Amino acid sequence: MRRALIIVLVSLLSGALLGAAPATAASLGRYEVHGVEGDDMLKMRAGPGIGYDVIVGLPNGTVLRVYSCQQTGGTRWCEVSLERARGLRGHVSWAYLRKL
């Protein structure tokens, strides 16, 4: 009985330790919003396409961290986060990004 209890405790502890650290996605690097016309803003969306809700508008010069990109229709969409607020994540069009 004692041995079974130890095995269960070790299994639970191992699972907790292995699962404790959140997965961190590797970044493709830092980019800035570039080429948005006049007073307009690049729309960060909830998903990769214009059918998704707009999360926030980003003016030229906003620094983003790019995680991945995918082609959807005729547009390449990238999953990004704000450099200064990495908890704010969404998708933007690749056409308006410039590598820093």
N, C-alpha and C. Protein backbone atom coordinates (compact mmCIF):
# COMPACT_ATOMS: atom_id res chain seq x y z
N MET A 1 0.83 -1.20 0.00
CA MET A 1 0.00 0.00 0.00
C MET A 1 0.87 1.26 0.00
N ARG A 2 1.90 1.25 0.86
CA ARG A 2 2.78 2.42 0.95
C ARG A 2 3.51 2.65 -0.38
N ARG A 3 3.95 1.56 -0.99
CA ARG A 3 4.65 1.67 -2.27
C ARG A 3 3.73 2.25 -3.35
N ALA A 4 2.49 1.84 -3.38
CA ALA A 4 1.53 2.35 -4.36
C ALA A 4 1.29 3.84 -4.16
N LEU A 5 1.22 4.26 -2.90
CA LEU A 5 1.04 5.68 -2.59
C LEU A 5 2.24 6.51 -3.05
N ILE A 6 3.43 5.98 -2.84
CA ILE A 6 4.65 6.68 -3.27
C ILE A 6 4.68 6.81 -4.79
N ILE A 7 4.31 5.76 -5.50
CA ILE A 7 4.29 5.78 -6.97
C ILE A 7 3.30 6.83 -7.46
N VAL A 8 2.13 6.88 -6.85
CA VAL A 8 1.13 7.87 -7.24
C VAL A 8 1.65 9.28 -6.98
N LEU A 9 2.24 9.52 -5.82
CA LEU A 9 2.77 10.85 -5.49
C LEU A 9 3.88 11.26 -6.44
N VAL A 10 4.79 10.33 -6.75
CA VAL A 10 5.88 10.63 -7.69
C VAL A 10 5.32 10.95 -9.07
N SER A 11 4.32 10.20 -9.50
CA SER A 11 3.70 10.45 -10.81
C SER A 11 3.04 11.83 -10.86
N LEU A 12 2.32 12.17 -9.80
CA LEU A 12 1.67 13.49 -9.75
C LEU A 12 2.69 14.61 -9.73
N LEU A 13 3.74 14.44 -8.94
CA LEU A 13 4.78 15.46 -8.85
C LEU A 13 5.50 15.62 -10.18
N SER A 14 5.82 14.52 -10.84
CA SER A 14 6.48 14.58 -12.15
C SER A 14 5.60 15.29 -13.17
N GLY A 15 4.33 14.95 -13.19
CA GLY A 15 3.40 15.61 -14.12
C GLY A 15 3.27 17.09 -13.85
N ALA A 16 3.24 17.46 -12.57
CA ALA A 16 3.12 18.87 -12.21
C ALA A 16 4.37 19.63 -12.62
N LEU A 17 5.54 19.03 -12.42
CA LEU A 17 6.79 19.71 -12.78
C LEU A 17 6.94 19.85 -14.28
N LEU A 18 6.59 18.81 -15.02
CA LEU A 18 6.71 18.86 -16.48
C LEU A 18 5.69 19.79 -17.10
N GLY A 19 4.52 19.87 -16.52
CA GLY A 19 3.46 20.70 -17.08
C GLY A 19 3.43 22.10 -16.51
N ALA A 20 4.28 22.43 -15.55
CA ALA A 20 4.22 23.71 -14.87
C ALA A 20 4.67 24.87 -15.74
N ALA A 21 5.66 24.66 -16.56
CA ALA A 21 6.17 25.75 -17.39
C ALA A 21 5.33 25.87 -18.64
N PRO A 22 4.78 27.07 -18.91
CA PRO A 22 3.98 27.23 -20.12
C PRO A 22 4.86 27.14 -21.37
N ALA A 23 4.29 26.63 -22.42
CA ALA A 23 5.02 26.55 -23.68
C ALA A 23 5.25 27.96 -24.22
N THR A 24 6.46 28.23 -24.64
CA THR A 24 6.77 29.54 -25.20
C THR A 24 7.10 29.35 -26.68
N ALA A 25 6.40 30.06 -27.51
CA ALA A 25 6.62 29.96 -28.94
C ALA A 25 7.85 30.77 -29.32
N ALA A 26 8.67 30.19 -30.15
CA ALA A 26 9.85 30.90 -30.62
C ALA A 26 9.42 32.04 -31.53
N SER A 27 10.10 33.13 -31.43
CA SER A 27 9.78 34.31 -32.22
C SER A 27 10.60 34.33 -33.50
N LEU A 28 10.01 34.84 -34.57
CA LEU A 28 10.74 35.04 -35.83
C LEU A 28 11.50 36.36 -35.81
N GLY A 29 11.29 37.14 -34.76
CA GLY A 29 12.03 38.39 -34.62
C GLY A 29 11.13 39.59 -34.42
N ARG A 30 11.80 40.74 -34.37
CA ARG A 30 11.11 42.01 -34.15
C ARG A 30 10.87 42.71 -35.49
N TYR A 31 9.67 43.22 -35.64
CA TYR A 31 9.27 43.94 -36.84
C TYR A 31 8.56 45.21 -36.42
N GLU A 32 8.49 46.17 -37.33
CA GLU A 32 7.69 47.36 -37.05
C GLU A 32 6.63 47.53 -38.12
N VAL A 33 5.54 48.15 -37.71
CA VAL A 33 4.47 48.48 -38.64
C VAL A 33 4.99 49.56 -39.57
N HIS A 34 4.81 49.35 -40.89
CA HIS A 34 5.37 50.27 -41.88
C HIS A 34 4.45 50.30 -43.11
N GLY A 35 4.26 51.48 -43.65
CA GLY A 35 3.52 51.61 -44.90
C GLY A 35 2.03 51.85 -44.77
N VAL A 36 1.55 52.08 -43.55
CA VAL A 36 0.13 52.38 -43.36
C VAL A 36 -0.08 53.83 -43.80
N GLU A 37 -1.10 54.07 -44.58
CA GLU A 37 -1.37 55.39 -45.15
C GLU A 37 -1.84 56.42 -44.12
N GLY A 38 -1.30 57.61 -44.19
CA GLY A 38 -1.78 58.77 -43.43
C GLY A 38 -2.07 58.50 -41.96
N ASP A 39 -3.29 58.84 -41.56
CA ASP A 39 -3.71 58.66 -40.17
C ASP A 39 -4.35 57.29 -39.93
N ASP A 40 -4.28 56.41 -40.92
CA ASP A 40 -4.87 55.08 -40.78
C ASP A 40 -4.01 54.22 -39.85
N MET A 41 -4.51 53.05 -39.47
CA MET A 41 -3.77 52.13 -38.61
C MET A 41 -3.89 50.72 -39.14
N LEU A 42 -2.87 49.91 -38.89
CA LEU A 42 -2.91 48.50 -39.22
C LEU A 42 -3.79 47.80 -38.19
N LYS A 43 -4.73 47.02 -38.66
CA LYS A 43 -5.66 46.35 -37.75
C LYS A 43 -5.09 45.01 -37.28
N MET A 44 -4.94 44.88 -35.95
CA MET A 44 -4.59 43.59 -35.38
C MET A 44 -5.91 42.86 -35.16
N ARG A 45 -6.02 41.66 -35.72
CA ARG A 45 -7.27 40.91 -35.68
C ARG A 45 -7.15 39.66 -34.82
N ALA A 46 -8.30 39.13 -34.42
CA ALA A 46 -8.36 37.95 -33.57
C ALA A 46 -7.95 36.68 -34.30
N GLY A 47 -7.89 36.71 -35.61
CA GLY A 47 -7.51 35.55 -36.42
C GLY A 47 -6.95 35.99 -37.75
N PRO A 48 -6.48 35.04 -38.55
CA PRO A 48 -5.83 35.36 -39.83
C PRO A 48 -6.80 35.61 -40.99
N GLY A 49 -7.43 36.77 -40.98
CA GLY A 49 -8.34 37.12 -42.06
C GLY A 49 -9.20 38.31 -41.69
N ILE A 50 -9.77 38.97 -42.70
CA ILE A 50 -10.57 40.17 -42.45
C ILE A 50 -11.92 39.86 -41.81
N GLY A 51 -12.30 38.60 -41.76
CA GLY A 51 -13.54 38.21 -41.11
C GLY A 51 -13.46 38.16 -39.59
N TYR A 52 -12.26 38.29 -39.05
CA TYR A 52 -12.08 38.25 -37.60
C TYR A 52 -12.20 39.65 -37.00
N ASP A 53 -12.60 39.70 -35.74
CA ASP A 53 -12.75 40.97 -35.03
C ASP A 53 -11.43 41.71 -34.94
N VAL A 54 -11.51 43.04 -34.98
CA VAL A 54 -10.33 43.90 -34.80
C VAL A 54 -10.08 44.03 -33.30
N ILE A 55 -8.85 43.75 -32.89
CA ILE A 55 -8.46 43.87 -31.49
C ILE A 55 -8.00 45.29 -31.19
N VAL A 56 -7.13 45.82 -32.06
CA VAL A 56 -6.57 47.16 -31.85
C VAL A 56 -5.99 47.66 -33.17
N GLY A 57 -5.91 48.98 -33.32
CA GLY A 57 -5.27 49.61 -34.47
C GLY A 57 -3.84 49.97 -34.11
N LEU A 58 -2.91 49.71 -35.03
CA LEU A 58 -1.49 49.94 -34.78
C LEU A 58 -0.93 50.97 -35.76
N PRO A 59 -0.40 52.09 -35.27
CA PRO A 59 0.16 53.10 -36.17
C PRO A 59 1.55 52.68 -36.67
N ASN A 60 2.02 53.33 -37.73
CA ASN A 60 3.38 53.12 -38.21
C ASN A 60 4.36 53.28 -37.05
N GLY A 61 5.39 52.43 -37.04
CA GLY A 61 6.41 52.52 -36.01
C GLY A 61 6.17 51.61 -34.81
N THR A 62 4.98 51.02 -34.69
CA THR A 62 4.69 50.11 -33.59
C THR A 62 5.57 48.87 -33.72
N VAL A 63 6.28 48.51 -32.67
CA VAL A 63 7.17 47.35 -32.70
C VAL A 63 6.41 46.11 -32.26
N LEU A 64 6.52 45.06 -33.09
CA LEU A 64 5.83 43.80 -32.85
C LEU A 64 6.82 42.65 -32.83
N ARG A 65 6.45 41.58 -32.16
CA ARG A 65 7.20 40.33 -32.20
C ARG A 65 6.37 39.37 -33.04
N VAL A 66 6.97 38.82 -34.10
CA VAL A 66 6.27 37.90 -35.02
C VAL A 66 6.59 36.46 -34.62
N TYR A 67 5.54 35.63 -34.51
CA TYR A 67 5.70 34.24 -34.09
C TYR A 67 5.57 33.25 -35.24
N SER A 68 4.62 33.47 -36.12
CA SER A 68 4.44 32.59 -37.26
C SER A 68 3.61 33.32 -38.31
N CYS A 69 3.68 32.82 -39.54
CA CYS A 69 2.90 33.42 -40.63
C CYS A 69 2.26 32.30 -41.44
N GLN A 70 1.11 32.62 -42.04
CA GLN A 70 0.42 31.67 -42.90
C GLN A 70 -0.30 32.40 -44.01
N GLN A 71 -0.42 31.74 -45.14
CA GLN A 71 -1.13 32.30 -46.28
C GLN A 71 -2.61 31.97 -46.15
N THR A 72 -3.45 33.00 -46.20
CA THR A 72 -4.90 32.82 -46.17
C THR A 72 -5.46 33.63 -47.33
N GLY A 73 -5.96 32.93 -48.34
CA GLY A 73 -6.41 33.63 -49.54
C GLY A 73 -5.21 34.29 -50.20
N GLY A 74 -5.36 35.56 -50.56
CA GLY A 74 -4.27 36.30 -51.19
C GLY A 74 -3.39 37.06 -50.22
N THR A 75 -3.58 36.87 -48.92
CA THR A 75 -2.84 37.64 -47.92
C THR A 75 -2.05 36.72 -47.00
N ARG A 76 -0.83 37.13 -46.71
CA ARG A 76 -0.02 36.41 -45.72
C ARG A 76 -0.27 37.07 -44.37
N TRP A 77 -0.78 36.31 -43.39
CA TRP A 77 -1.11 36.79 -42.06
C TRP A 77 -0.09 36.27 -41.07
N CYS A 78 0.31 37.13 -40.13
CA CYS A 78 1.29 36.74 -39.12
C CYS A 78 0.69 36.88 -37.74
N GLU A 79 0.99 35.89 -36.89
CA GLU A 79 0.60 35.98 -35.49
C GLU A 79 1.67 36.80 -34.79
N VAL A 80 1.24 37.85 -34.09
CA VAL A 80 2.16 38.80 -33.48
C VAL A 80 1.74 39.15 -32.06
N SER A 81 2.67 39.77 -31.35
CA SER A 81 2.34 40.40 -30.07
C SER A 81 3.03 41.75 -30.06
N LEU A 82 2.50 42.65 -29.25
CA LEU A 82 3.15 43.95 -29.09
C LEU A 82 4.44 43.73 -28.32
N GLU A 83 5.51 44.40 -28.71
CA GLU A 83 6.79 44.28 -28.03
C GLU A 83 6.68 44.68 -26.56
N ARG A 84 5.91 45.71 -26.29
CA ARG A 84 5.80 46.23 -24.92
C ARG A 84 4.62 45.67 -24.15
N ALA A 85 3.82 44.85 -24.78
CA ALA A 85 2.67 44.23 -24.10
C ALA A 85 2.45 42.86 -24.74
N ARG A 86 3.32 41.92 -24.43
CA ARG A 86 3.32 40.63 -25.13
C ARG A 86 2.07 39.81 -24.88
N GLY A 87 1.30 40.18 -23.87
CA GLY A 87 0.05 39.48 -23.63
C GLY A 87 -1.01 39.82 -24.66
N LEU A 88 -0.80 40.91 -25.40
CA LEU A 88 -1.74 41.32 -26.44
C LEU A 88 -1.29 40.71 -27.75
N ARG A 89 -1.99 39.65 -28.17
CA ARG A 89 -1.61 38.90 -29.37
C ARG A 89 -2.75 38.90 -30.37
N GLY A 90 -2.37 38.84 -31.62
CA GLY A 90 -3.35 38.77 -32.69
C GLY A 90 -2.66 38.53 -34.02
N HIS A 91 -3.36 38.85 -35.11
CA HIS A 91 -2.84 38.63 -36.46
C HIS A 91 -2.87 39.93 -37.25
N VAL A 92 -1.83 40.14 -38.05
CA VAL A 92 -1.74 41.31 -38.93
C VAL A 92 -1.27 40.87 -40.31
N SER A 93 -1.50 41.72 -41.28
CA SER A 93 -1.04 41.44 -42.64
C SER A 93 0.48 41.65 -42.73
N TRP A 94 1.16 40.67 -43.32
CA TRP A 94 2.61 40.70 -43.50
C TRP A 94 3.05 41.91 -44.35
N ALA A 95 2.18 42.37 -45.23
CA ALA A 95 2.52 43.45 -46.17
C ALA A 95 2.91 44.75 -45.45
N TYR A 96 2.50 44.89 -44.19
CA TYR A 96 2.76 46.13 -43.44
C TYR A 96 3.81 45.95 -42.36
N LEU A 97 4.66 44.95 -42.50
CA LEU A 97 5.71 44.71 -41.51
C LEU A 97 7.08 44.89 -42.15
N ARG A 98 7.99 45.46 -41.37
CA ARG A 98 9.37 45.65 -41.82
C ARG A 98 10.29 45.16 -40.70
N LYS A 99 11.27 44.32 -41.07
CA LYS A 99 12.21 43.73 -40.11
C LYS A 99 13.07 44.81 -39.48
N LEU A 100 13.26 44.72 -38.17
CA LEU A 100 14.15 45.64 -37.45
C LEU A 100 15.53 45.05 -37.32
